[in-house]
Each structure stands twice: as structure tokens, then as C-alpha cells.
Amino acid sequence: MHSKKQCVPFKGTKEQEEELLNVIRALKNEKGALMPILQKAQGIYGYLPLEVQKIVAKEMGIPLERVYGVVTFYSQFTLNPKGRNQVSVCLGTACYVKGSGDIYNALMEKLGIVGGECTEDGRFSLDACRCVGACGLAPVMMVNDDVYGRMTVDAIDGILAKYE
């Protein structure tokens, strides 16, 4: 499936920007401040879009490329918003061998997004994960904190309907 790379419009508020500016002012002179500033920025916005990265770079007096490099290097940061319902499919060995790749592909098709993206309506985001420690239930899919074991492609619609 080819993604049309969902581009969810940035919807930051003045209050969020003011909160971010306060965080930057408070931390920017500390050694190694970029990581905690980015962590707090993601806490404020839920993700780190280019608009937020530009504010951080400008206010800290560092190149945007440096901010972007840190954001894309560490897996704790995300460039895309998360959906109200975060769908995750385990692609660890036990789950993969039992067909989780087919489930992941079916979810991409049904939701019209690829991993790491969010549906246009903000209802679902999709990610792959590694072992969730439920190998006996393989293949495993999670929606938020709900674990669905022994998944089949046919079960996807019924599960997603619970979150609509």
C-alpha cells in the first residue's frame, strides 16, 4: 500500500505556545537542555511537528537541523499526532510467525494509513511494536491498553467498531 502521507494540519493554540516558551525560557541555559525541552514540548502538543521544532530552534538559537536530528533519532519522539485510539500490532517473532504481518497490513488497508500515521479524523493511529510479553496469545494487537490475542484479519472490523 502506498501512503498518501497523511498531513494532519497543525492545530497548536496560543496557550500551548506560551507554555512551550515558558519551558524554553526556564531550561535553555542548562547543559543538555534540548532533550528535556523536547520531552516537555511533546507533552504539551502530543507530538513534535515542524512548527514546534521551529519554535524550539529559534528560541534556543540552534539550527533547526539539530532539533530535527534529535527528534528523529530518539524513538520516544513522534512527528505525527497520535489518534484517540492507538492501535499497535506486535511484530515480534512469535506474533509474526503466527500472522501478525497480515493483521498489520489489513489494518493499514482498512484505516488508509501506514504505521506511524493517524487517520484524518484523529480517531486511530497505527504503530508496530515488538514483543508485548503475551507470546502465548500470538498474534497480538492492542488498542490503547486493551490486548487482543489470537488475532485474525476477520476480527479487526469488530474490534475497531468498539472504538468508534
C-alpha atoms as a PDB file:
ATOM      1  CA  MET A   1       0.000   0.000   0.000  1.00  0.00           C
ATOM      2  CA  HIS A   2       1.297   3.435  -0.830  1.00  0.00           C
ATOM      3  CA  SER A   3       0.568   6.086   1.728  1.00  0.00           C
ATOM      4  CA  LYS A   4      -0.604   9.477   0.727  1.00  0.00           C
ATOM      5  CA  LYS A   5       1.322  10.509   3.878  1.00  0.00           C
ATOM      6  CA  GLN A   6      -1.442  11.976   5.950  1.00  0.00           C
ATOM      7  CA  CYS A   7      -0.727  15.579   6.668  1.00  0.00           C
ATOM      8  CA  VAL A   8      -2.872  16.392   9.656  1.00  0.00           C
ATOM      9  CA  PRO A   9      -2.953  20.187   9.932  1.00  0.00           C
ATOM     10  CA  PHE A  10      -1.145  21.619  12.942  1.00  0.00           C
ATOM     11  CA  LYS A  11      -3.646  22.925  15.474  1.00  0.00           C
ATOM     12  CA  GLY A  12      -1.489  24.450  18.183  1.00  0.00           C
ATOM     13  CA  THR A  13      -3.078  27.049  20.435  1.00  0.00           C
ATOM     14  CA  LYS A  14      -1.659  30.324  21.766  1.00  0.00           C
ATOM     15  CA  GLU A  15      -1.811  28.797  25.264  1.00  0.00           C
ATOM     16  CA  GLN A  16       0.309  25.826  24.159  1.00  0.00           C
ATOM     17  CA  GLU A  17       2.838  28.126  22.519  1.00  0.00           C
ATOM     18  CA  GLU A  18       3.050  30.282  25.656  1.00  0.00           C
ATOM     19  CA  GLU A  19       3.549  27.169  27.796  1.00  0.00           C
ATOM     20  CA  LEU A  20       6.333  25.999  25.450  1.00  0.00           C
ATOM     21  CA  LEU A  21       8.029  29.405  25.518  1.00  0.00           C
ATOM     22  CA  ASN A  22       7.953  29.359  29.339  1.00  0.00           C
ATOM     23  CA  VAL A  23       9.549  25.883  29.362  1.00  0.00           C
ATOM     24  CA  ILE A  24      12.268  27.007  26.956  1.00  0.00           C
ATOM     25  CA  ARG A  25      12.994  30.176  28.971  1.00  0.00           C
ATOM     26  CA  ALA A  26      13.271  28.141  32.164  1.00  0.00           C
ATOM     27  CA  LEU A  27      15.575  25.443  30.763  1.00  0.00           C
ATOM     28  CA  LYS A  28      17.506  26.828  27.790  1.00  0.00           C
ATOM     29  CA  ASN A  29      20.642  27.845  29.716  1.00  0.00           C
ATOM     30  CA  GLU A  30      21.061  24.446  31.352  1.00  0.00           C
ATOM     31  CA  LYS A  31      23.554  21.992  29.866  1.00  0.00           C
ATOM     32  CA  GLY A  32      21.794  19.351  27.768  1.00  0.00           C
ATOM     33  CA  ALA A  33      18.515  21.286  27.821  1.00  0.00           C
ATOM     34  CA  LEU A  34      17.343  20.215  24.353  1.00  0.00           C
ATOM     35  CA  MET A  35      16.124  16.742  25.392  1.00  0.00           C
ATOM     36  CA  PRO A  36      14.042  17.872  28.387  1.00  0.00           C
ATOM     37  CA  ILE A  37      12.647  20.785  26.360  1.00  0.00           C
ATOM     38  CA  LEU A  38      11.594  18.417  23.554  1.00  0.00           C
ATOM     39  CA  GLN A  39      10.093  15.991  26.076  1.00  0.00           C
ATOM     40  CA  LYS A  40       8.046  18.777  27.642  1.00  0.00           C
ATOM     41  CA  ALA A  41       7.082  20.107  24.181  1.00  0.00           C
ATOM     42  CA  GLN A  42       5.779  16.672  23.212  1.00  0.00           C
ATOM     43  CA  GLY A  43       3.862  16.593  26.491  1.00  0.00           C
ATOM     44  CA  ILE A  44       2.256  19.935  25.608  1.00  0.00           C
ATOM     45  CA  TYR A  45       1.369  19.139  21.982  1.00  0.00           C
ATOM     46  CA  GLY A  46       1.270  15.319  21.979  1.00  0.00           C
ATOM     47  CA  TYR A  47       3.828  15.222  19.147  1.00  0.00           C
ATOM     48  CA  LEU A  48       6.603  17.347  17.638  1.00  0.00           C
ATOM     49  CA  PRO A  49       5.549  18.768  14.274  1.00  0.00           C
ATOM     50  CA  LEU A  50       7.864  21.056  12.302  1.00  0.00           C
ATOM     51  CA  GLU A  51       6.051  24.123  13.648  1.00  0.00           C
ATOM     52  CA  VAL A  52       7.028  23.189  17.225  1.00  0.00           C
ATOM     53  CA  GLN A  53      10.584  22.273  16.225  1.00  0.00           C
ATOM     54  CA  LYS A  54      10.991  25.711  14.606  1.00  0.00           C
ATOM     55  CA  ILE A  55       9.941  27.446  17.828  1.00  0.00           C
ATOM     56  CA  VAL A  56      12.427  25.368  19.845  1.00  0.00           C
ATOM     57  CA  ALA A  57      15.266  26.037  17.373  1.00  0.00           C
ATOM     58  CA  LYS A  58      14.579  29.768  17.197  1.00  0.00           C
ATOM     59  CA  GLU A  59      14.212  30.266  20.943  1.00  0.00           C
ATOM     60  CA  MET A  60      17.315  28.197  21.747  1.00  0.00           C
ATOM     61  CA  GLY A  61      19.369  29.813  18.992  1.00  0.00           C
ATOM     62  CA  ILE A  62      20.282  26.470  17.415  1.00  0.00           C
ATOM     63  CA  PRO A  63      19.818  25.185  13.852  1.00  0.00           C
ATOM     64  CA  LEU A  64      16.507  23.514  13.020  1.00  0.00           C
ATOM     65  CA  GLU A  65      18.524  20.585  11.612  1.00  0.00           C
ATOM     66  CA  ARG A  66      19.907  19.861  15.078  1.00  0.00           C
ATOM     67  CA  VAL A  67      16.428  19.818  16.628  1.00  0.00           C
ATOM     68  CA  TYR A  68      15.094  17.626  13.807  1.00  0.00           C
ATOM     69  CA  GLY A  69      18.080  15.278  14.176  1.00  0.00           C
ATOM     70  CA  VAL A  70      17.324  14.708  17.865  1.00  0.00           C
ATOM     71  CA  VAL A  71      13.574  14.306  17.256  1.00  0.00           C
ATOM     72  CA  THR A  72      14.090  11.702  14.535  1.00  0.00           C
ATOM     73  CA  PHE A  73      16.900   9.847  16.343  1.00  0.00           C
ATOM     74  CA  TYR A  74      15.061   9.040  19.573  1.00  0.00           C
ATOM     75  CA  SER A  75      12.066   6.713  19.357  1.00  0.00           C
ATOM     76  CA  GLN A  76      10.328   8.464  22.273  1.00  0.00           C
ATOM     77  CA  PHE A  77       9.576  11.393  19.968  1.00  0.00           C
ATOM     78  CA  THR A  78       6.958  11.385  17.244  1.00  0.00           C
ATOM     79  CA  LEU A  79       6.484  13.698  14.262  1.00  0.00           C
ATOM     80  CA  ASN A  80       2.862  12.676  13.831  1.00  0.00           C
ATOM     81  CA  PRO A  81      -0.098  13.100  16.154  1.00  0.00           C
ATOM     82  CA  LYS A  82      -1.476  10.009  17.835  1.00  0.00           C
ATOM     83  CA  GLY A  83      -5.102   9.077  17.396  1.00  0.00           C
ATOM     84  CA  ARG A  84      -7.614   8.991  20.221  1.00  0.00           C
ATOM     85  CA  ASN A  85      -7.282   5.221  19.852  1.00  0.00           C
ATOM     86  CA  GLN A  86      -3.745   3.945  19.442  1.00  0.00           C
ATOM     87  CA  VAL A  87      -3.669   0.653  17.566  1.00  0.00           C
ATOM     88  CA  SER A  88      -0.494  -1.369  17.864  1.00  0.00           C
ATOM     89  CA  VAL A  89       0.354  -4.743  16.343  1.00  0.00           C
ATOM     90  CA  CYS A  90       3.136  -6.875  17.763  1.00  0.00           C
ATOM     91  CA  LEU A  91       5.616  -7.828  15.059  1.00  0.00           C
ATOM     92  CA  GLY A  92       7.872  -9.759  17.437  1.00  0.00           C
ATOM     93  CA  THR A  93       8.950 -13.234  16.366  1.00  0.00           C
ATOM     94  CA  ALA A  94       6.161 -15.303  17.962  1.00  0.00           C
ATOM     95  CA  CYS A  95       3.423 -12.978  16.702  1.00  0.00           C
ATOM     96  CA  TYR A  96       4.977 -12.557  13.275  1.00  0.00           C
ATOM     97  CA  VAL A  97       5.275 -16.306  12.738  1.00  0.00           C
ATOM     98  CA  LYS A  98       1.575 -16.634  13.612  1.00  0.00           C
ATOM     99  CA  GLY A  99       0.488 -13.993  11.073  1.00  0.00           C
ATOM    100  CA  SER A 100       0.697 -10.557  12.701  1.00  0.00           C
ATOM    101  CA  GLY A 101       2.175  -9.145   9.472  1.00  0.00           C
ATOM    102  CA  ASP A 102      -1.125  -9.929   7.711  1.00  0.00           C
ATOM    103  CA  ILE A 103      -3.055  -8.208  10.507  1.00  0.00           C
ATOM    104  CA  TYR A 104      -0.804  -5.137  10.298  1.00  0.00           C
ATOM    105  CA  ASN A 105      -1.225  -4.970   6.504  1.00  0.00           C
ATOM    106  CA  ALA A 106      -5.013  -5.349   6.807  1.00  0.00           C
ATOM    107  CA  LEU A 107      -5.131  -2.518   9.367  1.00  0.00           C
ATOM    108  CA  MET A 108      -3.148  -0.234   7.047  1.00  0.00           C
ATOM    109  CA  GLU A 109      -5.643  -1.011   4.297  1.00  0.00           C
ATOM    110  CA  LYS A 110      -8.756  -0.577   6.455  1.00  0.00           C
ATOM    111  CA  LEU A 111      -7.554   2.633   8.141  1.00  0.00           C
ATOM    112  CA  GLY A 112      -5.979   4.084   4.980  1.00  0.00           C
ATOM    113  CA  ILE A 113      -2.710   4.911   6.754  1.00  0.00           C
ATOM    114  CA  VAL A 114       0.718   3.377   7.246  1.00  0.00           C
ATOM    115  CA  GLY A 115       2.495   2.763  10.537  1.00  0.00           C
ATOM    116  CA  GLY A 116       3.254   5.937  12.457  1.00  0.00           C
ATOM    117  CA  GLU A 117       0.327   7.816  10.938  1.00  0.00           C
ATOM    118  CA  CYS A 118      -3.028   8.981  12.243  1.00  0.00           C
ATOM    119  CA  THR A 119      -6.352   8.832  10.412  1.00  0.00           C
ATOM    120  CA  GLU A 120      -7.584  12.177   9.122  1.00  0.00           C
ATOM    121  CA  ASP A 121     -10.426  12.234  11.651  1.00  0.00           C
ATOM    122  CA  GLY A 122      -7.948  11.685  14.504  1.00  0.00           C
ATOM    123  CA  ARG A 123      -9.763   8.550  15.627  1.00  0.00           C
ATOM    124  CA  PHE A 124      -6.980   5.978  15.107  1.00  0.00           C
ATOM    125  CA  SER A 125      -3.219   5.867  14.824  1.00  0.00           C
ATOM    126  CA  LEU A 126      -1.287   2.739  13.897  1.00  0.00           C
ATOM    127  CA  ASP A 127       2.101   1.501  15.033  1.00  0.00           C
ATOM    128  CA  ALA A 128       4.042  -1.726  15.047  1.00  0.00           C
ATOM    129  CA  CYS A 129       5.624  -2.801  18.285  1.00  0.00           C
ATOM    130  CA  ARG A 130       7.976  -5.508  19.423  1.00  0.00           C
ATOM    131  CA  CYS A 131       7.173  -8.188  21.965  1.00  0.00           C
ATOM    132  CA  VAL A 132       4.486  -7.204  24.455  1.00  0.00           C
ATOM    133  CA  GLY A 133       5.081 -10.292  26.591  1.00  0.00           C
ATOM    134  CA  ALA A 134       1.928 -12.115  25.526  1.00  0.00           C
ATOM    135  CA  CYS A 135       3.575 -14.648  23.205  1.00  0.00           C
ATOM    136  CA  GLY A 136       1.139 -17.387  24.288  1.00  0.00           C
ATOM    137  CA  LEU A 137      -1.663 -15.280  22.783  1.00  0.00           C
ATOM    138  CA  ALA A 138       0.110 -14.666  19.470  1.00  0.00           C
ATOM    139  CA  PRO A 139      -0.659 -12.855  17.272  1.00  0.00           C
ATOM    140  CA  VAL A 140      -1.420  -9.853  19.479  1.00  0.00           C
ATOM    141  CA  MET A 141      -2.961  -6.458  18.709  1.00  0.00           C
ATOM    142  CA  MET A 142      -3.500  -3.679  21.220  1.00  0.00           C
ATOM    143  CA  VAL A 143      -5.917  -0.775  21.131  1.00  0.00           C
ATOM    144  CA  ASN A 144      -4.878   1.699  23.820  1.00  0.00           C
ATOM    145  CA  ASP A 145      -4.366  -0.587  26.856  1.00  0.00           C
ATOM    146  CA  ASP A 146      -6.697  -3.359  25.637  1.00  0.00           C
ATOM    147  CA  VAL A 147      -4.906  -6.518  24.475  1.00  0.00           C
ATOM    148  CA  TYR A 148      -6.468  -8.725  21.789  1.00  0.00           C
ATOM    149  CA  GLY A 149      -4.868 -12.138  21.447  1.00  0.00           C
ATOM    150  CA  ARG A 150      -5.080 -14.895  18.855  1.00  0.00           C
ATOM    151  CA  MET A 151      -5.988 -12.194  16.341  1.00  0.00           C
ATOM    152  CA  THR A 152      -7.312 -12.881  12.878  1.00  0.00           C
ATOM    153  CA  VAL A 153      -7.850 -10.496   9.992  1.00  0.00           C
ATOM    154  CA  ASP A 154     -11.586 -11.266  10.228  1.00  0.00           C
ATOM    155  CA  ALA A 155     -11.713  -9.981  13.840  1.00  0.00           C
ATOM    156  CA  ILE A 156     -10.360  -6.498  13.005  1.00  0.00           C
ATOM    157  CA  ASP A 157     -13.638  -4.833  11.984  1.00  0.00           C
ATOM    158  CA  GLY A 158     -15.466  -5.934  15.125  1.00  0.00           C
ATOM    159  CA  ILE A 159     -12.659  -4.719  17.385  1.00  0.00           C
ATOM    160  CA  LEU A 160     -12.302  -1.334  15.661  1.00  0.00           C
ATOM    161  CA  ALA A 161     -16.091  -0.834  15.865  1.00  0.00           C
ATOM    162  CA  LYS A 162     -15.822  -0.851  19.681  1.00  0.00           C
ATOM    163  CA  TYR A 163     -13.775   2.342  19.495  1.00  0.00           C
ATOM    164  CA  GLU A 164     -15.849   4.352  17.016  1.00  0.00           C
END
